[in-house]
Amino acid sequence: MAKLYFRYGAMNSGKSTGLLQAAFNYGERGQRVLLAKPQVDSKGEGQIVSRLGVTRPVDFLIPPGVGLMDLFRQHALGDDPTALLTHVNTEVKPVACLLVDEAQFLEPAQVDDLLRIAVLRGVPVMAYGIRTDFRTASFPGSARLMELAHSLEELKTICRCGRKAIFNTRKIVSAQEGEAVERFIFEGDQVAIDGVEVTYESLCGVCYLQESGGRLG
């Protein structure tokens, strides 16, 4: 039986790099994969972007409120309106794996569909994302993946102090005495895309509590 995998880690733990490596490995063996990410992730627009500088276009974006079973079927079979123009009268290879980046932004119902794709369609699904936001609260998509995934794998990275990083912190730039100063913040909307309005740094528990003044959430 195909399985649903959730590979998670703090920022800068190599999630997108791991996804792109997995896609490359399948392609090297002549197998077809589909790459997808939630539409809300505007970084790279229609591409998966690794911090190492490697990029690859996604096969489809996942809009809010849209079921993943239908999206997967359309792109797996090539029967969506745009694909029909390019795939008519051609044999479409079966999908060997569905790879999903930034899976924390998925809705719980969309995660349910990932499980259905694996179990009912027989296609392995590898979802990559972060568990918690900058306030240490779970993302709904990640929480559902933790509940449903057959396999959970933590991708590790280190804090600035050398300890294992487990928390994500949000930083903004503000003007102080005429100079741009970067500072940590611990309030705000759950979703703010890295590089658009803010930046992020992954910290260990000790450094997180030092920066937050002992605050969690």
C-alpha atoms as a PDB file:
ATOM      1  CA  MET A   1       0.000   0.000   0.000  1.00  0.00           C
ATOM      2  CA  ALA A   2       1.256   3.473  -0.863  1.00  0.00           C
ATOM      3  CA  LYS A   3       1.815   5.779   2.109  1.00  0.00           C
ATOM      4  CA  LEU A   4       1.504   9.418   3.125  1.00  0.00           C
ATOM      5  CA  TYR A   5       4.807  10.820   4.394  1.00  0.00           C
ATOM      6  CA  PHE A   6       5.260  14.055   6.340  1.00  0.00           C
ATOM      7  CA  ARG A   7       8.788  15.415   6.470  1.00  0.00           C
ATOM      8  CA  TYR A   8       8.915  18.428   8.737  1.00  0.00           C
ATOM      9  CA  GLY A   9      11.467  20.727  10.297  1.00  0.00           C
ATOM     10  CA  ALA A  10      12.208  24.279  11.364  1.00  0.00           C
ATOM     11  CA  MET A  11      13.098  26.930   8.799  1.00  0.00           C
ATOM     12  CA  ASN A  12      16.345  26.253   6.919  1.00  0.00           C
ATOM     13  CA  SER A  13      16.259  22.520   7.591  1.00  0.00           C
ATOM     14  CA  GLY A  14      16.416  21.632   3.890  1.00  0.00           C
ATOM     15  CA  LYS A  15      12.779  20.723   3.273  1.00  0.00           C
ATOM     16  CA  SER A  16      12.499  22.127  -0.254  1.00  0.00           C
ATOM     17  CA  THR A  17      15.977  20.848  -1.094  1.00  0.00           C
ATOM     18  CA  GLY A  18      14.939  17.367   0.035  1.00  0.00           C
ATOM     19  CA  LEU A  19      11.784  17.524  -2.060  1.00  0.00           C
ATOM     20  CA  LEU A  20      13.701  18.573  -5.174  1.00  0.00           C
ATOM     21  CA  GLN A  21      16.255  15.811  -4.587  1.00  0.00           C
ATOM     22  CA  ALA A  22      13.450  13.256  -4.306  1.00  0.00           C
ATOM     23  CA  ALA A  23      11.925  14.531  -7.561  1.00  0.00           C
ATOM     24  CA  PHE A  24      15.324  14.300  -9.270  1.00  0.00           C
ATOM     25  CA  ASN A  25      15.814  10.730  -8.046  1.00  0.00           C
ATOM     26  CA  TYR A  26      12.463   9.624  -9.487  1.00  0.00           C
ATOM     27  CA  GLY A  27      13.151  11.375 -12.791  1.00  0.00           C
ATOM     28  CA  GLU A  28      16.601   9.823 -13.055  1.00  0.00           C
ATOM     29  CA  ARG A  29      14.890   6.428 -13.020  1.00  0.00           C
ATOM     30  CA  GLY A  30      12.447   7.414 -15.734  1.00  0.00           C
ATOM     31  CA  GLN A  31       9.500   7.793 -13.376  1.00  0.00           C
ATOM     32  CA  ARG A  32       6.968  10.604 -13.446  1.00  0.00           C
ATOM     33  CA  VAL A  33       6.267  12.770 -10.422  1.00  0.00           C
ATOM     34  CA  LEU A  34       3.883  15.636  -9.779  1.00  0.00           C
ATOM     35  CA  LEU A  35       5.015  18.664  -7.768  1.00  0.00           C
ATOM     36  CA  ALA A  36       2.508  20.927  -6.034  1.00  0.00           C
ATOM     37  CA  LYS A  37       2.309  23.616  -3.378  1.00  0.00           C
ATOM     38  CA  PRO A  38      -0.451  25.745  -1.796  1.00  0.00           C
ATOM     39  CA  GLN A  39      -1.293  28.854  -3.777  1.00  0.00           C
ATOM     40  CA  VAL A  40      -0.946  31.020  -0.649  1.00  0.00           C
ATOM     41  CA  ASP A  41       2.823  30.505  -0.773  1.00  0.00           C
ATOM     42  CA  SER A  42       3.756  33.390  -3.049  1.00  0.00           C
ATOM     43  CA  LYS A  43       7.500  32.874  -2.694  1.00  0.00           C
ATOM     44  CA  GLY A  44       8.794  31.794  -6.086  1.00  0.00           C
ATOM     45  CA  GLU A  45       5.259  32.084  -7.464  1.00  0.00           C
ATOM     46  CA  GLY A  46       4.824  28.877  -9.500  1.00  0.00           C
ATOM     47  CA  GLN A  47       8.162  27.394  -8.504  1.00  0.00           C
ATOM     48  CA  ILE A  48       9.610  25.460  -5.610  1.00  0.00           C
ATOM     49  CA  VAL A  49      12.632  27.390  -4.411  1.00  0.00           C
ATOM     50  CA  SER A  50      15.452  25.888  -2.387  1.00  0.00           C
ATOM     51  CA  ARG A  51      17.715  28.107  -0.289  1.00  0.00           C
ATOM     52  CA  LEU A  52      20.628  26.471  -2.107  1.00  0.00           C
ATOM     53  CA  GLY A  53      19.439  28.216  -5.271  1.00  0.00           C
ATOM     54  CA  VAL A  54      17.832  25.207  -6.961  1.00  0.00           C
ATOM     55  CA  THR A  55      14.351  25.769  -8.390  1.00  0.00           C
ATOM     56  CA  ARG A  56      11.755  23.745 -10.268  1.00  0.00           C
ATOM     57  CA  PRO A  57       8.284  24.674 -11.529  1.00  0.00           C
ATOM     58  CA  VAL A  58       5.333  23.041  -9.841  1.00  0.00           C
ATOM     59  CA  ASP A  59       2.877  21.043 -11.905  1.00  0.00           C
ATOM     60  CA  PHE A  60      -0.026  22.718 -10.158  1.00  0.00           C
ATOM     61  CA  LEU A  61      -0.889  25.127  -7.355  1.00  0.00           C
ATOM     62  CA  ILE A  62      -3.444  24.236  -4.681  1.00  0.00           C
ATOM     63  CA  PRO A  63      -5.993  27.053  -4.184  1.00  0.00           C
ATOM     64  CA  PRO A  64      -7.852  27.415  -0.873  1.00  0.00           C
ATOM     65  CA  GLY A  65     -11.125  25.531  -0.734  1.00  0.00           C
ATOM     66  CA  VAL A  66     -10.321  23.252  -3.685  1.00  0.00           C
ATOM     67  CA  GLY A  67     -10.377  19.475  -3.300  1.00  0.00           C
ATOM     68  CA  LEU A  68      -7.063  17.765  -3.988  1.00  0.00           C
ATOM     69  CA  MET A  69      -8.555  14.548  -5.354  1.00  0.00           C
ATOM     70  CA  ASP A  70      -9.916  16.337  -8.436  1.00  0.00           C
ATOM     71  CA  LEU A  71      -6.750  18.398  -8.900  1.00  0.00           C
ATOM     72  CA  PHE A  72      -4.617  15.295  -8.728  1.00  0.00           C
ATOM     73  CA  ARG A  73      -6.826  13.387 -11.156  1.00  0.00           C
ATOM     74  CA  GLN A  74      -6.755  16.223 -13.686  1.00  0.00           C
ATOM     75  CA  HIS A  75      -2.994  16.519 -13.710  1.00  0.00           C
ATOM     76  CA  ALA A  76      -2.271  12.812 -13.350  1.00  0.00           C
ATOM     77  CA  LEU A  77      -4.422  11.929 -16.348  1.00  0.00           C
ATOM     78  CA  GLY A  78      -3.885  15.100 -18.338  1.00  0.00           C
ATOM     79  CA  ASP A  79      -7.608  15.731 -18.682  1.00  0.00           C
ATOM     80  CA  ASP A  80      -7.851  19.314 -17.431  1.00  0.00           C
ATOM     81  CA  PRO A  81      -8.738  21.909 -20.124  1.00  0.00           C
ATOM     82  CA  THR A  82      -5.178  23.132 -20.664  1.00  0.00           C
ATOM     83  CA  ALA A  83      -3.592  19.710 -20.525  1.00  0.00           C
ATOM     84  CA  LEU A  84      -5.972  18.404 -23.186  1.00  0.00           C
ATOM     85  CA  LEU A  85      -4.426  20.804 -25.654  1.00  0.00           C
ATOM     86  CA  THR A  86      -0.968  19.322 -25.201  1.00  0.00           C
ATOM     87  CA  HIS A  87      -1.593  15.697 -24.268  1.00  0.00           C
ATOM     88  CA  VAL A  88      -4.334  14.669 -26.689  1.00  0.00           C
ATOM     89  CA  ASN A  89      -3.613  11.344 -28.401  1.00  0.00           C
ATOM     90  CA  THR A  90      -0.520  10.785 -26.298  1.00  0.00           C
ATOM     91  CA  GLU A  91       0.094   8.162 -23.674  1.00  0.00           C
ATOM     92  CA  VAL A  92       0.468   9.691 -20.233  1.00  0.00           C
ATOM     93  CA  LYS A  93       2.834   7.967 -17.816  1.00  0.00           C
ATOM     94  CA  PRO A  94       1.397   6.944 -14.457  1.00  0.00           C
ATOM     95  CA  VAL A  95       2.391   9.102 -11.510  1.00  0.00           C
ATOM     96  CA  ALA A  96       4.998   7.443  -9.301  1.00  0.00           C
ATOM     97  CA  CYS A  97       4.809  10.026  -6.492  1.00  0.00           C
ATOM     98  CA  LEU A  98       3.085  13.278  -5.508  1.00  0.00           C
ATOM     99  CA  LEU A  99       5.419  15.779  -3.823  1.00  0.00           C
ATOM    100  CA  VAL A 100       3.900  18.695  -1.891  1.00  0.00           C
ATOM    101  CA  ASP A 101       5.961  21.643  -0.617  1.00  0.00           C
ATOM    102  CA  GLU A 102       4.910  24.092   2.129  1.00  0.00           C
ATOM    103  CA  ALA A 103       2.294  21.589   3.282  1.00  0.00           C
ATOM    104  CA  GLN A 104       1.619  23.537   6.480  1.00  0.00           C
ATOM    105  CA  PHE A 105      -0.524  25.890   4.385  1.00  0.00           C
ATOM    106  CA  LEU A 106      -2.909  23.125   3.300  1.00  0.00           C
ATOM    107  CA  GLU A 107      -6.397  22.976   4.738  1.00  0.00           C
ATOM    108  CA  PRO A 108      -7.195  19.904   6.881  1.00  0.00           C
ATOM    109  CA  ALA A 109      -9.654  18.642   4.245  1.00  0.00           C
ATOM    110  CA  GLN A 110      -6.902  18.864   1.623  1.00  0.00           C
ATOM    111  CA  VAL A 111      -4.620  16.791   3.848  1.00  0.00           C
ATOM    112  CA  ASP A 112      -7.422  14.228   4.075  1.00  0.00           C
ATOM    113  CA  ASP A 113      -7.303  14.065   0.279  1.00  0.00           C
ATOM    114  CA  LEU A 114      -3.559  13.421   0.371  1.00  0.00           C
ATOM    115  CA  LEU A 115      -4.256  10.320   2.424  1.00  0.00           C
ATOM    116  CA  ARG A 116      -6.966   9.261  -0.036  1.00  0.00           C
ATOM    117  CA  ILE A 117      -4.551   9.693  -2.961  1.00  0.00           C
ATOM    118  CA  ALA A 118      -2.039   7.432  -1.251  1.00  0.00           C
ATOM    119  CA  VAL A 119      -4.478   4.774  -0.055  1.00  0.00           C
ATOM    120  CA  LEU A 120      -7.143   4.767  -2.766  1.00  0.00           C
ATOM    121  CA  ARG A 121      -5.046   5.762  -5.793  1.00  0.00           C
ATOM    122  CA  GLY A 122      -1.960   3.837  -4.727  1.00  0.00           C
ATOM    123  CA  VAL A 123       0.353   6.825  -5.234  1.00  0.00           C
ATOM    124  CA  PRO A 124       2.903   7.671  -2.517  1.00  0.00           C
ATOM    125  CA  VAL A 125       2.580  11.244  -1.243  1.00  0.00           C
ATOM    126  CA  MET A 126       5.513  13.112   0.295  1.00  0.00           C
ATOM    127  CA  ALA A 127       4.527  16.324   2.069  1.00  0.00           C
ATOM    128  CA  TYR A 128       7.157  18.764   3.333  1.00  0.00           C
ATOM    129  CA  GLY A 129       6.534  21.609   5.764  1.00  0.00           C
ATOM    130  CA  ILE A 130       6.975  23.184   9.180  1.00  0.00           C
ATOM    131  CA  ARG A 131       5.024  22.126  12.254  1.00  0.00           C
ATOM    132  CA  THR A 132       4.508  25.388  14.089  1.00  0.00           C
ATOM    133  CA  ASP A 133       4.401  29.114  13.437  1.00  0.00           C
ATOM    134  CA  PHE A 134       6.439  31.910  15.044  1.00  0.00           C
ATOM    135  CA  ARG A 135       4.109  31.822  18.064  1.00  0.00           C
ATOM    136  CA  THR A 136       4.713  28.055  18.542  1.00  0.00           C
ATOM    137  CA  ALA A 137       1.130  27.255  17.442  1.00  0.00           C
ATOM    138  CA  SER A 138       0.455  24.440  14.998  1.00  0.00           C
ATOM    139  CA  PHE A 139      -0.509  25.175  11.423  1.00  0.00           C
ATOM    140  CA  PRO A 140      -3.835  23.419  10.657  1.00  0.00           C
ATOM    141  CA  GLY A 141      -2.312  21.525   7.735  1.00  0.00           C
ATOM    142  CA  SER A 142       0.652  20.335   9.767  1.00  0.00           C
ATOM    143  CA  ALA A 143      -1.546  19.297  12.687  1.00  0.00           C
ATOM    144  CA  ARG A 144      -3.651  17.144  10.372  1.00  0.00           C
ATOM    145  CA  LEU A 145      -0.563  15.634   8.769  1.00  0.00           C
ATOM    146  CA  MET A 146       0.765  14.702  12.204  1.00  0.00           C
ATOM    147  CA  GLU A 147      -2.530  12.889  12.796  1.00  0.00           C
ATOM    148  CA  LEU A 148      -2.792  11.084   9.458  1.00  0.00           C
ATOM    149  CA  ALA A 149       0.649  10.458   7.995  1.00  0.00           C
ATOM    150  CA  HIS A 150       1.894   6.882   7.898  1.00  0.00           C
ATOM    151  CA  SER A 151       5.449   8.119   8.343  1.00  0.00           C
ATOM    152  CA  LEU A 152       6.805  11.172  10.191  1.00  0.00           C
ATOM    153  CA  GLU A 153      10.387  12.321   9.675  1.00  0.00           C
ATOM    154  CA  GLU A 154      12.019  15.321  11.312  1.00  0.00           C
ATOM    155  CA  LEU A 155      14.546  17.235   9.219  1.00  0.00           C
ATOM    156  CA  LYS A 156      17.037  18.848  11.563  1.00  0.00           C
ATOM    157  CA  THR A 157      18.891  22.155  11.547  1.00  0.00           C
ATOM    158  CA  ILE A 158      20.880  24.107  14.110  1.00  0.00           C
ATOM    159  CA  CYS A 159      20.311  27.296  16.061  1.00  0.00           C
ATOM    160  CA  ARG A 160      22.812  30.186  16.006  1.00  0.00           C
ATOM    161  CA  CYS A 161      24.148  28.840  19.328  1.00  0.00           C
ATOM    162  CA  GLY A 162      24.810  25.385  17.895  1.00  0.00           C
ATOM    163  CA  ARG A 163      21.919  23.582  19.565  1.00  0.00           C
ATOM    164  CA  LYS A 164      19.173  21.856  17.598  1.00  0.00           C
ATOM    165  CA  ALA A 165      16.664  24.441  16.318  1.00  0.00           C
ATOM    166  CA  ILE A 166      13.016  23.610  16.918  1.00  0.00           C
ATOM    167  CA  PHE A 167      11.185  26.962  16.818  1.00  0.00           C
ATOM    168  CA  ASN A 168      10.619  29.479  14.020  1.00  0.00           C
ATOM    169  CA  THR A 169      10.899  33.172  14.878  1.00  0.00           C
ATOM    170  CA  ARG A 170       9.671  36.106  12.823  1.00  0.00           C
ATOM    171  CA  LYS A 171      11.747  39.240  12.288  1.00  0.00           C
ATOM    172  CA  ILE A 172      10.866  42.611  10.821  1.00  0.00           C
ATOM    173  CA  VAL A 173      12.947  45.659   9.988  1.00  0.00           C
ATOM    174  CA  SER A 174      12.027  48.909  11.716  1.00  0.00           C
ATOM    175  CA  ALA A 175      13.628  52.340  11.811  1.00  0.00           C
ATOM    176  CA  GLN A 176      15.344  53.340  15.031  1.00  0.00           C
ATOM    177  CA  GLU A 177      17.174  56.661  15.211  1.00  0.00           C
ATOM    178  CA  GLY A 178      17.338  56.809  11.451  1.00  0.00           C
ATOM    179  CA  GLU A 179      18.777  53.302  11.044  1.00  0.00           C
ATOM    180  CA  ALA A 180      17.114  50.088   9.879  1.00  0.00           C
ATOM    181  CA  VAL A 181      17.112  47.610  12.760  1.00  0.00           C
ATOM    182  CA  GLU A 182      15.939  43.992  12.563  1.00  0.00           C
ATOM    183  CA  ARG A 183      13.946  42.785  15.543  1.00  0.00           C
ATOM    184  CA  PHE A 184      11.940  39.741  16.590  1.00  0.00           C
ATOM    185  CA  ILE A 185       8.163  39.947  16.902  1.00  0.00           C
ATOM    186  CA  PHE A 186       5.784  37.514  18.590  1.00  0.00           C
ATOM    187  CA  GLU A 187       2.385  38.832  17.522  1.00  0.00           C
ATOM    188  CA  GLY A 188       0.652  39.007  14.164  1.00  0.00           C
ATOM    189  CA  ASP A 189      -1.060  36.911  11.526  1.00  0.00           C
ATOM    190  CA  GLN A 190      -0.054  33.280  11.299  1.00  0.00           C
ATOM    191  CA  VAL A 191       0.880  33.522   7.613  1.00  0.00           C
ATOM    192  CA  ALA A 192       3.447  36.041   6.368  1.00  0.00           C
ATOM    193  CA  ILE A 193       5.613  34.737   3.540  1.00  0.00           C
ATOM    194  CA  ASP A 194       9.364  34.762   4.059  1.00  0.00           C
ATOM    195  CA  GLY A 195      11.046  37.478   2.040  1.00  0.00           C
ATOM    196  CA  VAL A 196       7.864  39.408   1.250  1.00  0.00           C
ATOM    197  CA  GLU A 197       7.101  41.263   4.473  1.00  0.00           C
ATOM    198  CA  VAL A 198       9.322  39.531   6.993  1.00  0.00           C
ATOM    199  CA  THR A 199      12.219  37.147   7.493  1.00  0.00           C
ATOM    200  CA  TYR A 200      12.534  34.133   9.768  1.00  0.00           C
ATOM    201  CA  GLU A 201      15.192  32.541  11.937  1.00  0.00           C
ATOM    202  CA  SER A 202      15.061  29.086  13.476  1.00  0.00           C
ATOM    203  CA  LEU A 203      16.075  28.925  17.141  1.00  0.00           C
ATOM    204  CA  CYS A 204      16.488  26.367  19.893  1.00  0.00           C
ATOM    205  CA  GLY A 205      14.222  26.506  22.937  1.00  0.00           C
ATOM    206  CA  VAL A 206      16.742  28.438  25.025  1.00  0.00           C
ATOM    207  CA  CYS A 207      17.335  31.174  22.442  1.00  0.00           C
ATOM    208  CA  TYR A 208      13.626  31.404  21.622  1.00  0.00           C
ATOM    209  CA  LEU A 209      12.704  31.999  25.266  1.00  0.00           C
ATOM    210  CA  GLN A 210      15.497  34.540  25.637  1.00  0.00           C
ATOM    211  CA  GLU A 211      14.231  36.535  22.649  1.00  0.00           C
ATOM    212  CA  SER A 212      10.565  36.237  23.623  1.00  0.00           C
ATOM    213  CA  GLY A 213      11.116  37.108  27.279  1.00  0.00           C
ATOM    214  CA  GLY A 214       9.932  33.664  28.324  1.00  0.00           C
ATOM    215  CA  ARG A 215       6.773  33.848  26.244  1.00  0.00           C
ATOM    216  CA  LEU A 216       5.375  30.825  24.398  1.00  0.00           C
ATOM    217  CA  GLY A 217       2.451  31.607  22.135  1.00  0.00           C
END
